[in-house]
Amino acid sequence: MKQTRLAKILATGVVCAAALGIALAQQTTTTTTTDPVTGTTTTQHTATSAAGTIVTYAPDSDYITFRTAPDVPPVRYYYTKETSVVDPEGRVVSWSAIRPDLPATVYYTTVGDRVVVRKVVLARPVVVKHEETTTTTTTRP
C-alpha cells in the first residue's frame, strides 16, 4: 500500500514538472499602445518561442514538424524564405543542418490558422565535415 502511494506521488510530481516545462518553454510578448492624438490602439505580438525537438524536415516541403515534449504529438510549423536557421552561437547555417531528433528552439507567430516560424535556433553546434583529397601525378621520362 505504501509503494502504491509513493508511486502516485512520484507520478504526480513528474506530470507537474512536465507541465511546468511546457509552460516555461512557450513565451509570448504582447505590447498594446494608444496614440494620444488619434486615440487608436495598436496591439503588437512578438514571436513566441518553444523549445523541443525537430521530428521531420523535408527540403521540398514548406513545413517542419516539431515536438515540445515527448508525450505531446508533433505540430506543423511552416517556414518561409525569411526564416533563418542559426547555431547556438547565433551564426546563420543552412537548412541542410536540420535533422530529425535535433533539439532546437523555434520562434514563431500565428498567421491565420498557420504557425509560421521566423527563426530556428539549433541546440547543438553544426558539425562541418571537411575532406581534403590530394592527387599526385608522376610522369616518367
N, C-alpha and C. Protein backbone atom coordinates (compact mmCIF):
# COMPACT_ATOMS: atom_id res chain seq x y z
N MET A 1 0.82 -1.18 0.00
CA MET A 1 0.00 0.00 0.00
C MET A 1 0.87 1.25 0.00
N LYS A 2 1.95 1.24 0.76
CA LYS A 2 2.83 2.40 0.80
C LYS A 2 3.53 2.59 -0.54
N GLN A 3 3.84 1.49 -1.24
CA GLN A 3 4.50 1.60 -2.53
C GLN A 3 3.57 2.23 -3.56
N THR A 4 2.29 1.90 -3.52
CA THR A 4 1.32 2.48 -4.44
C THR A 4 1.18 3.97 -4.19
N ARG A 5 1.13 4.35 -2.95
CA ARG A 5 1.01 5.76 -2.59
C ARG A 5 2.24 6.54 -3.05
N LEU A 6 3.43 5.97 -2.84
CA LEU A 6 4.66 6.61 -3.27
C LEU A 6 4.71 6.73 -4.79
N ALA A 7 4.26 5.69 -5.48
CA ALA A 7 4.24 5.73 -6.94
C ALA A 7 3.31 6.83 -7.44
N LYS A 8 2.15 7.00 -6.80
CA LYS A 8 1.21 8.06 -7.19
C LYS A 8 1.81 9.43 -6.96
N ILE A 9 2.49 9.60 -5.84
CA ILE A 9 3.12 10.89 -5.54
C ILE A 9 4.20 11.21 -6.56
N LEU A 10 5.03 10.22 -6.88
CA LEU A 10 6.09 10.43 -7.87
C LEU A 10 5.51 10.72 -9.25
N ALA A 11 4.46 10.00 -9.63
CA ALA A 11 3.83 10.22 -10.94
C ALA A 11 3.24 11.63 -11.01
N THR A 12 2.62 12.08 -9.94
CA THR A 12 2.07 13.43 -9.91
C THR A 12 3.18 14.47 -10.04
N GLY A 13 4.31 14.22 -9.37
CA GLY A 13 5.44 15.14 -9.47
C GLY A 13 5.99 15.22 -10.88
N VAL A 14 6.07 14.08 -11.57
CA VAL A 14 6.57 14.06 -12.95
C VAL A 14 5.61 14.83 -13.87
N VAL A 15 4.32 14.62 -13.71
CA VAL A 15 3.34 15.33 -14.54
C VAL A 15 3.42 16.83 -14.30
N CYS A 16 3.55 17.24 -13.04
CA CYS A 16 3.65 18.67 -12.74
C CYS A 16 4.93 19.27 -13.33
N ALA A 17 6.04 18.55 -13.25
CA ALA A 17 7.30 19.03 -13.81
C ALA A 17 7.20 19.17 -15.33
N ALA A 18 6.55 18.21 -15.99
CA ALA A 18 6.38 18.28 -17.45
C ALA A 18 5.50 19.47 -17.83
N ALA A 19 4.42 19.68 -17.09
CA ALA A 19 3.53 20.81 -17.38
C ALA A 19 4.25 22.13 -17.19
N LEU A 20 5.06 22.22 -16.14
CA LEU A 20 5.82 23.44 -15.89
C LEU A 20 6.84 23.67 -17.00
N GLY A 21 7.49 22.60 -17.46
CA GLY A 21 8.46 22.73 -18.55
C GLY A 21 7.82 23.23 -19.83
N ILE A 22 6.65 22.72 -20.15
CA ILE A 22 5.94 23.17 -21.35
C ILE A 22 5.52 24.62 -21.20
N ALA A 23 5.03 24.97 -20.03
CA ALA A 23 4.59 26.36 -19.81
C ALA A 23 5.76 27.33 -19.91
N LEU A 24 6.90 26.95 -19.39
CA LEU A 24 8.06 27.83 -19.43
C LEU A 24 8.70 27.88 -20.81
N ALA A 25 8.51 26.83 -21.61
CA ALA A 25 9.13 26.76 -22.93
C ALA A 25 8.45 27.71 -23.92
N GLN A 26 7.21 28.11 -23.66
CA GLN A 26 6.49 28.97 -24.58
C GLN A 26 6.35 30.36 -23.96
N GLN A 27 6.84 31.35 -24.68
CA GLN A 27 6.80 32.72 -24.19
C GLN A 27 6.27 33.63 -25.28
N THR A 28 5.34 34.50 -24.93
CA THR A 28 4.80 35.47 -25.88
C THR A 28 4.83 36.84 -25.23
N THR A 29 5.17 37.85 -26.02
CA THR A 29 5.13 39.21 -25.53
C THR A 29 4.12 39.99 -26.36
N THR A 30 3.17 40.62 -25.70
CA THR A 30 2.16 41.43 -26.37
C THR A 30 2.31 42.87 -25.88
N THR A 31 2.41 43.79 -26.82
CA THR A 31 2.54 45.20 -26.49
C THR A 31 1.34 45.96 -27.05
N THR A 32 0.63 46.67 -26.18
CA THR A 32 -0.51 47.48 -26.61
C THR A 32 -0.17 48.94 -26.38
N THR A 33 -0.30 49.74 -27.45
CA THR A 33 -0.02 51.17 -27.34
C THR A 33 -1.22 51.96 -27.83
N THR A 34 -1.43 53.12 -27.25
CA THR A 34 -2.51 54.01 -27.66
C THR A 34 -1.92 55.33 -28.12
N ASP A 35 -2.29 55.74 -29.32
CA ASP A 35 -1.82 57.01 -29.86
C ASP A 35 -2.56 58.14 -29.14
N PRO A 36 -1.84 59.05 -28.46
CA PRO A 36 -2.51 60.11 -27.72
C PRO A 36 -3.27 61.10 -28.60
N VAL A 37 -2.86 61.25 -29.85
CA VAL A 37 -3.50 62.21 -30.73
C VAL A 37 -4.80 61.64 -31.33
N THR A 38 -4.70 60.43 -31.91
CA THR A 38 -5.86 59.85 -32.59
C THR A 38 -6.69 58.97 -31.68
N GLY A 39 -6.09 58.47 -30.60
CA GLY A 39 -6.81 57.59 -29.70
C GLY A 39 -6.91 56.16 -30.18
N THR A 40 -6.21 55.83 -31.27
CA THR A 40 -6.25 54.46 -31.77
C THR A 40 -5.32 53.58 -30.95
N THR A 41 -5.75 52.35 -30.76
CA THR A 41 -4.97 51.38 -30.00
C THR A 41 -4.36 50.38 -30.96
N THR A 42 -3.07 50.12 -30.79
CA THR A 42 -2.36 49.16 -31.62
C THR A 42 -1.82 48.06 -30.72
N THR A 43 -2.09 46.81 -31.10
CA THR A 43 -1.56 45.67 -30.36
C THR A 43 -0.55 44.96 -31.24
N GLN A 44 0.63 44.73 -30.70
CA GLN A 44 1.70 44.08 -31.44
C GLN A 44 2.10 42.82 -30.71
N HIS A 45 2.11 41.70 -31.42
CA HIS A 45 2.54 40.43 -30.85
C HIS A 45 3.94 40.12 -31.37
N THR A 46 4.84 39.87 -30.48
CA THR A 46 6.17 39.45 -30.90
C THR A 46 6.21 37.94 -30.93
N ALA A 47 7.24 37.41 -31.49
CA ALA A 47 7.34 35.97 -31.70
C ALA A 47 7.29 35.19 -30.39
N THR A 48 6.59 34.10 -30.45
CA THR A 48 6.53 33.16 -29.35
C THR A 48 7.65 32.16 -29.55
N SER A 49 8.20 31.66 -28.48
CA SER A 49 9.26 30.66 -28.62
C SER A 49 8.83 29.36 -27.96
N ALA A 50 9.33 28.27 -28.50
CA ALA A 50 9.07 26.95 -27.94
C ALA A 50 10.33 26.12 -28.09
N ALA A 51 10.72 25.45 -27.03
CA ALA A 51 11.87 24.55 -27.06
C ALA A 51 11.37 23.13 -27.22
N GLY A 52 12.08 22.35 -28.01
CA GLY A 52 11.68 20.97 -28.22
C GLY A 52 12.61 20.27 -29.18
N THR A 53 12.03 19.36 -29.97
CA THR A 53 12.81 18.53 -30.88
C THR A 53 12.18 18.55 -32.26
N ILE A 54 13.01 18.68 -33.28
CA ILE A 54 12.54 18.61 -34.65
C ILE A 54 12.24 17.14 -34.94
N VAL A 55 11.04 16.86 -35.43
CA VAL A 55 10.65 15.48 -35.72
C VAL A 55 10.93 15.15 -37.17
N THR A 56 10.45 16.00 -38.09
CA THR A 56 10.70 15.77 -39.51
C THR A 56 10.98 17.08 -40.21
N TYR A 57 11.78 16.98 -41.27
CA TYR A 57 12.05 18.11 -42.16
C TYR A 57 12.35 17.53 -43.52
N ALA A 58 11.66 18.02 -44.53
CA ALA A 58 11.90 17.62 -45.91
C ALA A 58 12.16 18.89 -46.70
N PRO A 59 13.29 18.97 -47.41
CA PRO A 59 13.64 20.19 -48.14
C PRO A 59 12.60 20.62 -49.18
N ASP A 60 11.82 19.69 -49.71
CA ASP A 60 10.85 20.04 -50.74
C ASP A 60 9.48 20.43 -50.17
N SER A 61 9.35 20.46 -48.85
CA SER A 61 8.08 20.87 -48.24
C SER A 61 8.20 22.30 -47.72
N ASP A 62 7.11 22.81 -47.15
CA ASP A 62 7.12 24.17 -46.61
C ASP A 62 6.91 24.17 -45.10
N TYR A 63 7.16 23.02 -44.45
CA TYR A 63 6.98 22.96 -43.01
C TYR A 63 7.94 21.95 -42.37
N ILE A 64 8.12 22.11 -41.07
CA ILE A 64 8.80 21.10 -40.26
C ILE A 64 7.79 20.65 -39.21
N THR A 65 7.97 19.44 -38.71
CA THR A 65 7.15 19.04 -37.57
C THR A 65 8.03 19.11 -36.34
N PHE A 66 7.46 19.60 -35.27
CA PHE A 66 8.21 19.94 -34.07
C PHE A 66 7.44 19.45 -32.86
N ARG A 67 8.14 18.85 -31.90
CA ARG A 67 7.52 18.34 -30.69
C ARG A 67 8.12 19.05 -29.49
N THR A 68 7.28 19.61 -28.61
CA THR A 68 7.76 20.33 -27.44
C THR A 68 8.00 19.44 -26.24
N ALA A 69 7.45 18.24 -26.24
CA ALA A 69 7.65 17.29 -25.14
C ALA A 69 7.46 15.88 -25.70
N PRO A 70 8.10 14.88 -25.09
CA PRO A 70 8.00 13.51 -25.62
C PRO A 70 6.57 12.97 -25.68
N ASP A 71 5.71 13.37 -24.76
CA ASP A 71 4.35 12.85 -24.73
C ASP A 71 3.34 13.72 -25.48
N VAL A 72 3.82 14.74 -26.20
CA VAL A 72 2.96 15.65 -26.95
C VAL A 72 3.09 15.32 -28.43
N PRO A 73 1.96 15.26 -29.17
CA PRO A 73 2.07 14.99 -30.61
C PRO A 73 2.77 16.13 -31.34
N PRO A 74 3.51 15.81 -32.42
CA PRO A 74 4.21 16.86 -33.17
C PRO A 74 3.23 17.80 -33.87
N VAL A 75 3.67 19.05 -34.06
CA VAL A 75 2.86 20.09 -34.68
C VAL A 75 3.60 20.60 -35.92
N ARG A 76 2.86 20.96 -36.95
CA ARG A 76 3.46 21.54 -38.15
C ARG A 76 3.78 23.01 -37.92
N TYR A 77 5.01 23.37 -38.20
CA TYR A 77 5.46 24.75 -38.15
C TYR A 77 5.90 25.10 -39.57
N TYR A 78 5.21 26.04 -40.20
CA TYR A 78 5.51 26.42 -41.57
C TYR A 78 6.65 27.44 -41.58
N TYR A 79 7.49 27.38 -42.62
CA TYR A 79 8.58 28.34 -42.75
C TYR A 79 8.50 29.03 -44.09
N THR A 80 9.16 30.19 -44.17
CA THR A 80 9.16 30.99 -45.38
C THR A 80 10.61 31.24 -45.81
N LYS A 81 10.77 32.01 -46.87
CA LYS A 81 12.12 32.37 -47.33
C LYS A 81 12.84 33.24 -46.31
N GLU A 82 12.09 33.94 -45.48
CA GLU A 82 12.68 34.82 -44.46
C GLU A 82 13.08 34.07 -43.19
N THR A 83 12.68 32.82 -43.05
CA THR A 83 13.00 32.04 -41.85
C THR A 83 14.50 31.75 -41.84
N SER A 84 15.13 32.02 -40.69
CA SER A 84 16.56 31.77 -40.58
C SER A 84 16.82 30.61 -39.63
N VAL A 85 17.92 29.92 -39.89
CA VAL A 85 18.38 28.82 -39.03
C VAL A 85 19.73 29.23 -38.50
N VAL A 86 19.90 29.22 -37.17
CA VAL A 86 21.16 29.62 -36.56
C VAL A 86 21.65 28.54 -35.61
N ASP A 87 22.96 28.52 -35.40
CA ASP A 87 23.54 27.59 -34.43
C ASP A 87 23.50 28.21 -33.04
N PRO A 88 23.95 27.51 -32.00
CA PRO A 88 23.87 28.05 -30.64
C PRO A 88 24.62 29.37 -30.45
N GLU A 89 25.63 29.63 -31.27
CA GLU A 89 26.40 30.87 -31.16
C GLU A 89 25.76 32.01 -31.94
N GLY A 90 24.67 31.74 -32.67
CA GLY A 90 23.98 32.78 -33.42
C GLY A 90 24.42 32.93 -34.85
N ARG A 91 25.29 32.05 -35.34
CA ARG A 91 25.73 32.11 -36.73
C ARG A 91 24.69 31.44 -37.62
N VAL A 92 24.40 32.06 -38.74
CA VAL A 92 23.42 31.52 -39.68
C VAL A 92 24.00 30.26 -40.33
N VAL A 93 23.20 29.20 -40.35
CA VAL A 93 23.60 27.95 -41.00
C VAL A 93 22.55 27.61 -42.05
N SER A 94 22.87 26.66 -42.91
CA SER A 94 21.94 26.29 -43.98
C SER A 94 20.86 25.35 -43.46
N TRP A 95 19.79 25.24 -44.21
CA TRP A 95 18.69 24.35 -43.84
C TRP A 95 19.13 22.90 -43.82
N SER A 96 20.19 22.57 -44.55
CA SER A 96 20.65 21.18 -44.56
C SER A 96 21.19 20.73 -43.20
N ALA A 97 21.40 21.67 -42.27
CA ALA A 97 21.86 21.32 -40.92
C ALA A 97 20.75 20.74 -40.06
N ILE A 98 19.51 20.90 -40.50
CA ILE A 98 18.37 20.39 -39.72
C ILE A 98 18.23 18.89 -39.94
N ARG A 99 18.14 18.17 -38.83
CA ARG A 99 17.99 16.72 -38.84
C ARG A 99 16.88 16.32 -37.87
N PRO A 100 16.23 15.19 -38.12
CA PRO A 100 15.25 14.69 -37.14
C PRO A 100 15.93 14.41 -35.80
N ASP A 101 15.19 14.55 -34.73
CA ASP A 101 15.64 14.36 -33.35
C ASP A 101 16.69 15.37 -32.91
N LEU A 102 16.75 16.50 -33.58
CA LEU A 102 17.68 17.56 -33.22
C LEU A 102 16.98 18.54 -32.28
N PRO A 103 17.51 18.75 -31.07
CA PRO A 103 16.90 19.73 -30.17
C PRO A 103 17.06 21.14 -30.73
N ALA A 104 16.01 21.93 -30.56
CA ALA A 104 16.03 23.29 -31.09
C ALA A 104 15.01 24.15 -30.37
N THR A 105 15.11 25.45 -30.60
CA THR A 105 14.10 26.40 -30.15
C THR A 105 13.59 27.11 -31.38
N VAL A 106 12.27 27.18 -31.52
CA VAL A 106 11.68 27.88 -32.66
C VAL A 106 10.99 29.14 -32.16
N TYR A 107 11.14 30.21 -32.93
CA TYR A 107 10.46 31.48 -32.66
C TYR A 107 9.42 31.63 -33.76
N TYR A 108 8.17 31.76 -33.37
CA TYR A 108 7.10 31.72 -34.36
C TYR A 108 6.00 32.72 -34.04
N THR A 109 5.17 32.95 -35.04
CA THR A 109 3.96 33.74 -34.88
C THR A 109 2.82 32.96 -35.53
N THR A 110 1.61 33.30 -35.17
CA THR A 110 0.45 32.66 -35.77
C THR A 110 -0.11 33.60 -36.83
N VAL A 111 -0.21 33.10 -38.05
CA VAL A 111 -0.76 33.86 -39.16
C VAL A 111 -1.97 33.09 -39.66
N GLY A 112 -3.14 33.59 -39.34
CA GLY A 112 -4.36 32.85 -39.68
C GLY A 112 -4.42 31.57 -38.88
N ASP A 113 -4.52 30.44 -39.58
CA ASP A 113 -4.54 29.15 -38.89
C ASP A 113 -3.19 28.43 -38.95
N ARG A 114 -2.17 29.12 -39.42
CA ARG A 114 -0.83 28.53 -39.53
C ARG A 114 0.11 29.08 -38.48
N VAL A 115 1.02 28.23 -38.04
CA VAL A 115 2.10 28.65 -37.15
C VAL A 115 3.32 28.83 -38.04
N VAL A 116 3.80 30.08 -38.17
CA VAL A 116 4.89 30.40 -39.09
C VAL A 116 6.16 30.67 -38.30
N VAL A 117 7.21 29.92 -38.62
CA VAL A 117 8.49 30.04 -37.93
C VAL A 117 9.27 31.21 -38.49
N ARG A 118 9.79 32.05 -37.61
CA ARG A 118 10.64 33.17 -38.01
C ARG A 118 12.11 32.82 -37.87
N LYS A 119 12.44 32.02 -36.81
CA LYS A 119 13.84 31.65 -36.59
C LYS A 119 13.89 30.30 -35.90
N VAL A 120 14.86 29.47 -36.29
CA VAL A 120 15.13 28.19 -35.65
C VAL A 120 16.53 28.27 -35.06
N VAL A 121 16.64 28.05 -33.76
CA VAL A 121 17.94 28.05 -33.09
C VAL A 121 18.25 26.61 -32.71
N LEU A 122 19.28 26.05 -33.34
CA LEU A 122 19.67 24.68 -33.06
C LEU A 122 20.36 24.61 -31.71
N ALA A 123 20.10 23.55 -30.96
CA ALA A 123 20.67 23.42 -29.62
C ALA A 123 22.09 22.89 -29.63
N ARG A 124 22.47 22.21 -30.69
CA ARG A 124 23.82 21.67 -30.80
C ARG A 124 24.55 22.35 -31.94
N PRO A 125 25.86 22.52 -31.80
CA PRO A 125 26.62 23.12 -32.90
C PRO A 125 26.58 22.21 -34.13
N VAL A 126 26.61 22.82 -35.28
CA VAL A 126 26.61 22.09 -36.53
C VAL A 126 28.03 21.58 -36.78
N VAL A 127 28.14 20.30 -37.07
CA VAL A 127 29.44 19.70 -37.35
C VAL A 127 29.65 19.75 -38.86
N VAL A 128 30.69 20.42 -39.25
CA VAL A 128 31.01 20.55 -40.67
C VAL A 128 32.17 19.61 -40.97
N LYS A 129 31.91 18.67 -41.85
CA LYS A 129 32.96 17.73 -42.24
C LYS A 129 33.71 18.31 -43.43
N HIS A 130 35.00 18.32 -43.31
CA HIS A 130 35.84 18.84 -44.39
C HIS A 130 36.80 17.74 -44.78
N GLU A 131 36.67 17.30 -46.01
CA GLU A 131 37.58 16.27 -46.51
C GLU A 131 38.49 16.89 -47.55
N GLU A 132 39.73 16.51 -47.46
CA GLU A 132 40.70 17.02 -48.42
C GLU A 132 41.33 15.84 -49.14
N THR A 133 41.33 15.92 -50.44
CA THR A 133 41.89 14.86 -51.26
C THR A 133 43.09 15.40 -52.01
N THR A 134 44.17 14.68 -51.93
CA THR A 134 45.39 15.09 -52.63
C THR A 134 45.69 14.04 -53.71
N THR A 135 45.92 14.51 -54.90
CA THR A 135 46.25 13.62 -56.02
C THR A 135 47.67 13.96 -56.48
N THR A 136 48.46 12.94 -56.55
CA THR A 136 49.84 13.12 -57.01
C THR A 136 50.00 12.40 -58.33
N THR A 137 50.50 13.12 -59.32
CA THR A 137 50.71 12.55 -60.65
C THR A 137 52.21 12.53 -60.90
N THR A 138 52.68 11.37 -61.26
CA THR A 138 54.11 11.22 -61.55
C THR A 138 54.24 10.86 -63.02
N THR A 139 55.10 11.61 -63.71
CA THR A 139 55.34 11.31 -65.11
C THR A 139 56.73 10.74 -65.24
N ARG A 140 56.87 9.75 -66.08
CA ARG A 140 58.16 9.11 -66.29
C ARG A 140 58.76 9.59 -67.61
N PRO A 141 60.04 9.82 -67.59
CA PRO A 141 60.68 10.30 -68.83
C PRO A 141 60.81 9.24 -69.90
